[in-house]
Amino acid sequence: MTTSQKHKDFICKPMVDKAVETLPGIGKVLGGRLRANGYGKVKNVENQFLLLGKDAAAFRQWLRDTCGANTKQSGDCYKCLYELCNLCCGNIQKRYIP
């Protein structure tokens, strides 16, 4: 599987208050649904990812339930957050979870 340009751009740029639509797999429609449920920023979705223990099945199901993401969309989003978390050597939890 190749990494999308959106994925590469997301990983390479600082995360300061990124909109949820910048996540791979999340476009305008899913982003709007996430915003409506209180997840308008990447950090909000990332927090949920961490609260679910970085578990692929749980996170992908949460995305399906919360915004209607399909298998590919939820997989792209999970892959990106997982990679981001690994790049940050686990320090990502310290930034967002009290």
Protein backbone atom coordinates (compact mmCIF):
# COMPACT_ATOMS: atom_id res chain seq x y z
CA MET A 1 0.00 0.00 0.00
CA THR A 2 1.37 3.39 -0.90
CA THR A 3 1.24 6.37 1.37
CA SER A 4 -0.97 9.16 0.09
CA GLN A 5 0.29 12.70 -0.42
CA LYS A 6 -2.17 13.87 2.24
CA HIS A 7 -0.60 11.41 4.68
CA LYS A 8 2.93 12.60 3.85
CA ASP A 9 1.92 16.25 4.20
CA PHE A 10 0.20 15.60 7.50
CA ILE A 11 3.17 13.80 9.05
CA CYS A 12 5.72 16.38 7.84
CA LYS A 13 3.97 19.54 9.04
CA PRO A 14 3.53 20.78 12.61
CA MET A 15 0.25 19.77 14.18
CA VAL A 16 -0.61 23.06 15.87
CA ASP A 17 -4.41 23.30 15.76
CA LYS A 18 -4.80 21.39 12.50
CA ALA A 19 -8.37 21.03 11.31
CA VAL A 20 -9.76 17.50 11.41
CA GLU A 21 -10.09 17.53 7.60
CA THR A 22 -6.30 17.43 7.31
CA LEU A 23 -6.31 13.84 8.54
CA PRO A 24 -5.96 11.26 5.77
CA GLY A 25 -9.30 9.60 5.13
CA ILE A 26 -11.23 12.58 6.48
CA GLY A 27 -12.66 15.03 3.97
CA LYS A 28 -15.27 17.78 4.15
CA VAL A 29 -18.26 15.52 4.79
CA LEU A 30 -16.69 13.34 7.47
CA GLY A 31 -14.93 16.37 8.92
CA GLY A 32 -18.27 18.13 9.25
CA ARG A 33 -19.74 15.14 11.05
CA LEU A 34 -16.76 14.96 13.39
CA ARG A 35 -17.04 18.70 14.08
CA ALA A 36 -20.74 18.27 14.87
CA ASN A 37 -19.73 15.66 17.46
CA GLY A 38 -17.08 17.87 19.07
CA TYR A 39 -14.02 16.61 17.18
CA GLY A 40 -13.11 19.63 15.04
CA LYS A 41 -9.36 19.47 15.54
CA VAL A 42 -6.83 16.73 14.91
CA LYS A 43 -5.88 16.80 18.58
CA ASN A 44 -9.47 15.84 19.50
CA VAL A 45 -9.38 12.79 17.24
CA GLU A 46 -5.86 11.98 18.39
CA ASN A 47 -7.01 12.06 22.01
CA GLN A 48 -9.73 9.53 21.17
CA PHE A 49 -7.13 7.39 19.37
CA LEU A 50 -5.01 7.37 22.52
CA LEU A 51 -7.95 6.81 24.86
CA LEU A 52 -8.79 3.72 22.81
CA GLY A 53 -5.26 2.47 23.42
CA LYS A 54 -4.18 2.88 19.78
CA ASP A 55 -6.29 -0.21 19.08
CA ALA A 56 -7.01 -0.40 15.35
CA ALA A 57 -10.36 -2.16 15.58
CA ALA A 58 -11.69 0.06 18.36
CA PHE A 59 -10.55 3.30 16.73
CA ARG A 60 -11.86 2.36 13.30
CA GLN A 61 -15.21 1.35 14.79
CA TRP A 62 -15.35 4.64 16.69
CA LEU A 63 -14.79 6.54 13.41
CA ARG A 64 -17.53 4.52 11.70
CA ASP A 65 -19.95 5.18 14.55
CA THR A 66 -19.05 8.85 14.97
CA CYS A 67 -18.88 10.07 11.39
CA GLY A 68 -19.74 7.18 9.09
CA ALA A 69 -16.21 6.54 7.84
CA ASN A 70 -15.87 3.52 5.59
CA THR A 71 -13.17 0.86 5.89
CA LYS A 72 -10.64 2.68 3.70
CA GLN A 73 -11.23 6.07 5.32
CA SER A 74 -10.94 4.73 8.85
CA GLY A 75 -7.87 2.71 7.88
CA ASP A 76 -6.12 5.72 6.35
CA CYS A 77 -6.83 7.80 9.42
CA TYR A 78 -5.68 5.07 11.81
CA LYS A 79 -2.47 4.46 9.86
CA CYS A 80 -1.56 8.13 9.95
CA LEU A 81 -2.23 8.59 13.67
CA TYR A 82 -0.37 5.39 14.48
CA GLU A 83 2.65 6.53 12.48
CA LEU A 84 2.52 9.99 14.04
CA CYS A 85 2.38 8.46 17.50
CA ASN A 86 5.39 6.26 16.76
CA LEU A 87 7.36 9.22 15.37
CA CYS A 88 6.78 11.11 18.58
CA CYS A 89 8.16 8.18 20.61
CA GLY A 90 5.14 8.03 22.86
CA ASN A 91 5.43 11.65 23.99
CA ILE A 92 2.18 12.43 22.22
CA GLN A 93 0.20 11.07 25.17
CA LYS A 94 1.88 13.49 27.54
CA ARG A 95 0.85 16.44 25.38
CA TYR A 96 -2.88 15.81 25.28
CA ILE A 97 -4.02 13.47 28.01
CA PRO A 98 -4.06 14.98 31.50
